[in-house]
C-alpha atoms as a PDB file:
ATOM      1  CA  MET A   1     207.484   0.451 206.843  1.00  0.00           C
ATOM      2  CA  ARG A   2     205.794  -1.576 209.538  1.00  0.00           C
ATOM      3  CA  ALA A   3     202.052  -1.877 209.307  1.00  0.00           C
ATOM      4  CA  THR A   4     199.862  -3.420 211.930  1.00  0.00           C
ATOM      5  CA  SER A   5     196.298  -4.422 211.476  1.00  0.00           C
ATOM      6  CA  SER A   6     193.671  -5.744 213.787  1.00  0.00           C
ATOM      7  CA  SER A   7     190.409  -7.208 212.659  1.00  0.00           C
ATOM      8  CA  THR A   8     187.427  -6.842 214.937  1.00  0.00           C
ATOM      9  CA  SER A   9     184.250  -8.712 214.190  1.00  0.00           C
ATOM     10  CA  SER A  10     180.974  -7.108 215.122  1.00  0.00           C
ATOM     11  CA  ALA A  11     180.131 -10.296 216.999  1.00  0.00           C
ATOM     12  CA  ARG A  12     182.805  -9.310 219.466  1.00  0.00           C
ATOM     13  CA  LYS A  13     181.571  -9.359 223.023  1.00  0.00           C
ATOM     14  CA  SER A  14     184.850  -8.968 224.872  1.00  0.00           C
ATOM     15  CA  GLY A  15     188.260  -7.466 224.384  1.00  0.00           C
ATOM     16  CA  THR A  16     189.432 -10.414 222.299  1.00  0.00           C
ATOM     17  CA  SER A  17     189.213 -10.750 218.558  1.00  0.00           C
ATOM     18  CA  THR A  18     186.997 -13.412 217.043  1.00  0.00           C
ATOM     19  CA  THR A  19     186.964 -15.052 213.651  1.00  0.00           C
ATOM     20  CA  SER A  20     183.236 -15.668 213.661  1.00  0.00           C
ATOM     21  CA  ARG A  21     181.410 -14.258 210.652  1.00  0.00           C
ATOM     22  CA  ARG A  22     178.111 -14.192 212.555  1.00  0.00           C
ATOM     23  CA  CYS A  23     177.293 -10.913 214.143  1.00  0.00           C
ATOM     24  CA  GLY A  24     174.703  -9.181 216.243  1.00  0.00           C
ATOM     25  CA  PRO A  25     173.100 -10.331 219.436  1.00  0.00           C
ATOM     26  CA  PRO A  26     171.498 -13.803 219.383  1.00  0.00           C
ATOM     27  CA  SER A  27     168.033 -12.295 218.922  1.00  0.00           C
ATOM     28  CA  CYS A  28     169.172 -10.662 215.661  1.00  0.00           C
ATOM     29  CA  ARG A  29     170.706 -13.885 214.367  1.00  0.00           C
ATOM     30  CA  SER A  30     167.562 -15.887 215.015  1.00  0.00           C
ATOM     31  CA  ARG A  31     165.219 -13.446 213.273  1.00  0.00           C
ATOM     32  CA  LYS A  32     163.919 -14.494 209.890  1.00  0.00           C
ATOM     33  CA  ARG A  33     165.720 -12.554 207.204  1.00  0.00           C
ATOM     34  CA  THR A  34     164.471 -11.346 203.874  1.00  0.00           C
ATOM     35  CA  SER A  35     166.168 -12.506 200.707  1.00  0.00           C
ATOM     36  CA  ARG A  36     167.105  -8.973 199.609  1.00  0.00           C
ATOM     37  CA  PRO A  37     170.758  -8.949 198.505  1.00  0.00           C
ATOM     38  CA  ALA A  38     171.517  -6.107 200.937  1.00  0.00           C
ATOM     39  CA  ASP A  39     171.155  -8.669 203.724  1.00  0.00           C
ATOM     40  CA  LEU A  40     174.316 -10.288 202.413  1.00  0.00           C
ATOM     41  CA  LEU A  41     176.726  -7.326 202.548  1.00  0.00           C
ATOM     42  CA  ARG A  42     180.144  -7.757 204.119  1.00  0.00           C
ATOM     43  CA  ILE A  43     181.683  -4.487 205.263  1.00  0.00           C
ATOM     44  CA  ALA A  44     185.329  -3.800 206.104  1.00  0.00           C
ATOM     45  CA  ILE A  45     186.179  -0.435 207.622  1.00  0.00           C
ATOM     46  CA  CYS A  46     189.831   0.282 206.866  1.00  0.00           C
ATOM     47  CA  SER A  47     191.080   3.095 209.054  1.00  0.00           C
ATOM     48  CA  ILE A  48     194.329   4.691 210.110  1.00  0.00           C
ATOM     49  CA  GLY A  49     195.077   4.613 213.840  1.00  0.00           C
ATOM     50  CA  ARG A  50     193.770   2.634 216.780  1.00  0.00           C
ATOM     51  CA  PHE A  51     190.695   3.071 218.946  1.00  0.00           C
ATOM     52  CA  GLY A  52     191.988   2.276 222.415  1.00  0.00           C
ATOM     53  CA  ARG A  53     189.331   1.843 225.104  1.00  0.00           C
ATOM     54  CA  GLY A  54     187.604   5.218 224.993  1.00  0.00           C
ATOM     55  CA  PRO A  55     183.950   6.138 224.542  1.00  0.00           C
ATOM     56  CA  GLU A  56     184.309   6.237 220.753  1.00  0.00           C
ATOM     57  CA  ARG A  57     185.128   2.513 220.776  1.00  0.00           C
ATOM     58  CA  THR A  58     182.194   1.783 223.075  1.00  0.00           C
ATOM     59  CA  LEU A  59     179.794   3.609 220.748  1.00  0.00           C
ATOM     60  CA  PHE A  60     181.256   1.861 217.694  1.00  0.00           C
ATOM     61  CA  ASP A  61     180.751  -1.522 219.376  1.00  0.00           C
ATOM     62  CA  VAL A  62     177.116  -0.719 220.267  1.00  0.00           C
ATOM     63  CA  TYR A  63     176.165  -0.262 216.609  1.00  0.00           C
ATOM     64  CA  ALA A  64     178.505  -2.949 215.258  1.00  0.00           C
ATOM     65  CA  LYS A  65     176.817  -5.519 217.499  1.00  0.00           C
ATOM     66  CA  ARG A  66     173.360  -4.458 216.285  1.00  0.00           C
ATOM     67  CA  LEU A  67     174.322  -4.772 212.637  1.00  0.00           C
ATOM     68  CA  PRO A  68     173.510  -8.203 211.193  1.00  0.00           C
ATOM     69  CA  TRP A  69     176.032  -7.740 208.369  1.00  0.00           C
ATOM     70  CA  PRO A  70     179.563  -8.965 208.999  1.00  0.00           C
ATOM     71  CA  LEU A  71     181.531  -5.842 209.938  1.00  0.00           C
ATOM     72  CA  ASP A  72     185.304  -5.919 210.293  1.00  0.00           C
ATOM     73  CA  LEU A  73     187.449  -3.056 211.517  1.00  0.00           C
ATOM     74  CA  HIS A  74     190.990  -3.000 210.146  1.00  0.00           C
ATOM     75  CA  GLU A  75     193.072  -0.527 212.136  1.00  0.00           C
ATOM     76  CA  LEU A  76     196.203   0.271 210.158  1.00  0.00           C
ATOM     77  CA  GLU A  77     199.296   2.013 211.459  1.00  0.00           C
ATOM     78  CA  ASP A  78     202.515   3.161 209.894  1.00  0.00           C
ATOM     79  CA  ARG A  79     205.067   3.560 212.656  1.00  0.00           C
ATOM     80  CA  LYS A  80     207.917   4.634 210.451  1.00  0.00           C
ATOM     81  CA  GLY A  81     209.042   8.230 210.944  1.00  0.00           C
ATOM     82  CA  GLY A  82     209.424  10.941 208.359  1.00  0.00           C
ATOM     83  CA  SER A  83     207.635  14.074 207.285  1.00  0.00           C
ATOM     84  CA  ASP A  84     203.865  14.453 207.405  1.00  0.00           C
ATOM     85  CA  ALA A  85     203.719  14.087 203.613  1.00  0.00           C
ATOM     86  CA  GLU A  86     205.763  10.866 203.679  1.00  0.00           C
ATOM     87  CA  ARG A  87     203.645   9.418 206.495  1.00  0.00           C
ATOM     88  CA  ASN A  88     200.424  10.312 204.655  1.00  0.00           C
ATOM     89  CA  ARG A  89     201.730   8.679 201.472  1.00  0.00           C
ATOM     90  CA  ARG A  90     202.529   5.457 203.369  1.00  0.00           C
ATOM     91  CA  GLU A  91     199.185   5.483 205.224  1.00  0.00           C
ATOM     92  CA  ASN A  92     197.291   5.835 201.955  1.00  0.00           C
ATOM     93  CA  ALA A  93     199.313   2.969 200.451  1.00  0.00           C
ATOM     94  CA  LEU A  94     198.239   0.791 203.419  1.00  0.00           C
ATOM     95  CA  LEU A  95     194.585   1.713 202.837  1.00  0.00           C
ATOM     96  CA  ARG A  96     194.790   0.946 199.106  1.00  0.00           C
ATOM     97  CA  GLU A  97     196.490  -2.378 199.788  1.00  0.00           C
ATOM     98  CA  ARG A  98     193.848  -3.404 202.347  1.00  0.00           C
ATOM     99  CA  ALA A  99     190.983  -2.450 199.982  1.00  0.00           C
ATOM    100  CA  ALA A 100     192.486  -3.988 196.843  1.00  0.00           C
ATOM    101  CA  ASP A 101     190.295  -7.120 196.916  1.00  0.00           C
ATOM    102  CA  ALA A 102     187.018  -5.354 197.739  1.00  0.00           C
ATOM    103  CA  GLN A 103     184.243  -5.462 195.163  1.00  0.00           C
ATOM    104  CA  ALA A 104     183.290  -1.870 196.001  1.00  0.00           C
ATOM    105  CA  VAL A 105     185.199   0.909 197.758  1.00  0.00           C
ATOM    106  CA  ILE A 106     183.691   3.853 199.616  1.00  0.00           C
ATOM    107  CA  ALA A 107     186.024   6.647 200.692  1.00  0.00           C
ATOM    108  CA  LEU A 108     185.124   9.034 203.489  1.00  0.00           C
ATOM    109  CA  ASP A 109     186.539  12.418 202.558  1.00  0.00           C
ATOM    110  CA  GLU A 110     185.564  16.029 203.185  1.00  0.00           C
ATOM    111  CA  ARG A 111     185.465  16.596 199.394  1.00  0.00           C
ATOM    112  CA  GLY A 112     182.968  13.781 198.875  1.00  0.00           C
ATOM    113  CA  ARG A 113     179.216  13.894 198.284  1.00  0.00           C
ATOM    114  CA  GLU A 114     177.033  14.796 201.224  1.00  0.00           C
ATOM    115  CA  LEU A 115     174.354  12.097 201.322  1.00  0.00           C
ATOM    116  CA  ASP A 116     171.367  11.764 203.586  1.00  0.00           C
ATOM    117  CA  SER A 117     170.817   8.416 205.297  1.00  0.00           C
ATOM    118  CA  ARG A 118     168.363   7.155 202.666  1.00  0.00           C
ATOM    119  CA  ALA A 119     170.776   7.943 199.829  1.00  0.00           C
ATOM    120  CA  PHE A 120     173.618   6.194 201.681  1.00  0.00           C
ATOM    121  CA  ALA A 121     171.379   3.153 202.215  1.00  0.00           C
ATOM    122  CA  ALA A 122     170.404   3.229 198.532  1.00  0.00           C
ATOM    123  CA  ALA A 123     174.080   3.281 197.524  1.00  0.00           C
ATOM    124  CA  LEU A 124     174.798   0.223 199.688  1.00  0.00           C
ATOM    125  CA  GLY A 125     171.700  -1.511 198.323  1.00  0.00           C
ATOM    126  CA  GLY A 126     172.825  -0.668 194.791  1.00  0.00           C
ATOM    127  CA  PHE A 127     176.201  -2.307 195.368  1.00  0.00           C
ATOM    128  CA  ALA A 128     174.456  -5.395 196.764  1.00  0.00           C
ATOM    129  CA  ASP A 129     171.977  -5.569 193.883  1.00  0.00           C
ATOM    130  CA  ALA A 130     174.908  -5.414 191.446  1.00  0.00           C
ATOM    131  CA  GLY A 131     176.548  -8.371 193.207  1.00  0.00           C
ATOM    132  CA  ARG A 132     179.246  -6.190 194.799  1.00  0.00           C
ATOM    133  CA  ARG A 133     178.738  -7.333 198.377  1.00  0.00           C
ATOM    134  CA  ASP A 134     182.289  -7.080 199.757  1.00  0.00           C
ATOM    135  CA  ILE A 135     182.625  -3.384 200.528  1.00  0.00           C
ATOM    136  CA  ALA A 136     185.671  -1.588 201.922  1.00  0.00           C
ATOM    137  CA  ILE A 137     185.127   1.798 203.542  1.00  0.00           C
ATOM    138  CA  LEU A 138     188.289   3.901 203.839  1.00  0.00           C
ATOM    139  CA  VAL A 139     188.888   6.373 206.678  1.00  0.00           C
ATOM    140  CA  GLY A 140     192.125   8.330 206.421  1.00  0.00           C
ATOM    141  CA  GLY A 141     194.391   9.570 209.164  1.00  0.00           C
ATOM    142  CA  ALA A 142     195.078  13.126 210.272  1.00  0.00           C
ATOM    143  CA  ASP A 143     196.030  14.277 206.770  1.00  0.00           C
ATOM    144  CA  GLY A 144     193.202  12.477 204.982  1.00  0.00           C
ATOM    145  CA  LEU A 145     193.112  10.567 201.719  1.00  0.00           C
ATOM    146  CA  ASP A 146     195.339  11.362 198.769  1.00  0.00           C
ATOM    147  CA  ASP A 147     194.230  11.664 195.141  1.00  0.00           C
ATOM    148  CA  GLU A 148     195.215   8.087 194.268  1.00  0.00           C
ATOM    149  CA  THR A 149     193.179   6.644 197.145  1.00  0.00           C
ATOM    150  CA  ARG A 150     190.134   8.781 196.329  1.00  0.00           C
ATOM    151  CA  ALA A 151     190.422   7.725 192.674  1.00  0.00           C
ATOM    152  CA  MET A 152     190.063   4.020 193.558  1.00  0.00           C
ATOM    153  CA  ALA A 153     186.742   4.701 195.319  1.00  0.00           C
ATOM    154  CA  ASP A 154     183.439   3.867 193.664  1.00  0.00           C
ATOM    155  CA  LEU A 155     181.780   6.408 195.950  1.00  0.00           C
ATOM    156  CA  THR A 156     183.293   9.250 197.958  1.00  0.00           C
ATOM    157  CA  VAL A 157     181.151  10.427 200.865  1.00  0.00           C
ATOM    158  CA  SER A 158     181.459  13.395 203.194  1.00  0.00           C
ATOM    159  CA  PHE A 159     179.986  13.543 206.692  1.00  0.00           C
ATOM    160  CA  GLY A 160     179.499  17.277 206.192  1.00  0.00           C
ATOM    161  CA  ARG A 161     181.732  20.295 205.962  1.00  0.00           C
ATOM    162  CA  LEU A 162     182.894  20.037 209.559  1.00  0.00           C
ATOM    163  CA  THR A 163     186.172  18.291 210.342  1.00  0.00           C
ATOM    164  CA  TRP A 164     185.659  15.190 212.505  1.00  0.00           C
ATOM    165  CA  PRO A 165     188.258  13.220 214.473  1.00  0.00           C
ATOM    166  CA  HIS A 166     188.713   9.876 212.722  1.00  0.00           C
ATOM    167  CA  LEU A 167     187.829   7.947 215.895  1.00  0.00           C
ATOM    168  CA  ILE A 168     184.444   9.691 216.082  1.00  0.00           C
ATOM    169  CA  VAL A 169     183.923   9.124 212.354  1.00  0.00           C
ATOM    170  CA  ARG A 170     184.212   5.363 212.908  1.00  0.00           C
ATOM    171  CA  ALA A 171     181.446   5.457 215.521  1.00  0.00           C
ATOM    172  CA  MET A 172     179.267   7.650 213.276  1.00  0.00           C
ATOM    173  CA  LEU A 173     179.913   5.298 210.367  1.00  0.00           C
ATOM    174  CA  ALA A 174     178.890   2.233 212.391  1.00  0.00           C
ATOM    175  CA  GLU A 175     175.623   3.974 213.301  1.00  0.00           C
ATOM    176  CA  GLN A 176     174.980   4.952 209.666  1.00  0.00           C
ATOM    177  CA  LEU A 177     175.624   1.375 208.531  1.00  0.00           C
ATOM    178  CA  TYR A 178     173.109   0.117 211.076  1.00  0.00           C
ATOM    179  CA  ARG A 179     170.662   2.833 210.001  1.00  0.00           C
ATOM    180  CA  ALA A 180     171.168   1.869 206.338  1.00  0.00           C
ATOM    181  CA  HIS A 181     170.371  -1.743 207.165  1.00  0.00           C
ATOM    182  CA  THR A 182     167.153  -0.716 208.929  1.00  0.00           C
ATOM    183  CA  ILE A 183     166.145   1.453 205.963  1.00  0.00           C
ATOM    184  CA  LEU A 184     166.789  -1.371 203.489  1.00  0.00           C
ATOM    185  CA  THR A 185     164.853  -3.894 205.580  1.00  0.00           C
ATOM    186  CA  GLY A 186     161.943  -1.610 206.516  1.00  0.00           C
ATOM    187  CA  HIS A 187     162.741  -1.509 210.233  1.00  0.00           C
ATOM    188  CA  PRO A 188     161.252   1.559 212.002  1.00  0.00           C
ATOM    189  CA  TYR A 189     164.599   2.738 213.514  1.00  0.00           C
ATOM    190  CA  HIS A 190     164.992   5.473 210.870  1.00  0.00           C
ATOM    191  CA  ARG A 191     162.439   8.268 210.795  1.00  0.00           C
ATOM    192  CA  ASP A 192     162.358  11.012 208.175  1.00  0.00           C
END
């Protein structure tokens, strides 16, 4: 099994990877921050497959750059052949391995809870308030997450009953993370 992973910081401004933990445009970094623990979250999105240079990546980058939390994207691939079931088993093992050190794990799965944006923000704030600030969010490949991967999650969330391509889900997730931050900090971006 050969797994590849790339880490993309939300501070990324070009096609190259950066190791900087600071993120957001300079105006966001210079703003005075509150001392709420949710300001200290570190998010890792662990996802099967690669973005490429399409519009989904562009949209992801727009929201990742706005988010003042460190946001890393770990794109995992299993290039070994085999049946769909074997590939899915190996992909899920890669996701579990990548998320093993996280203090909290959120799985995106069609069987998860459908949350509104305020409830999602509250869940993130709850993890932060409990001192669980390193959060891994798992996005499966074409065949989704298996039972073992879903079982390791502290929270399983669904983006609705529709089936979404995993590249679009990443962009939607980046926007929801930014929205959650604005809800937790009282910014007027979110409107009910």
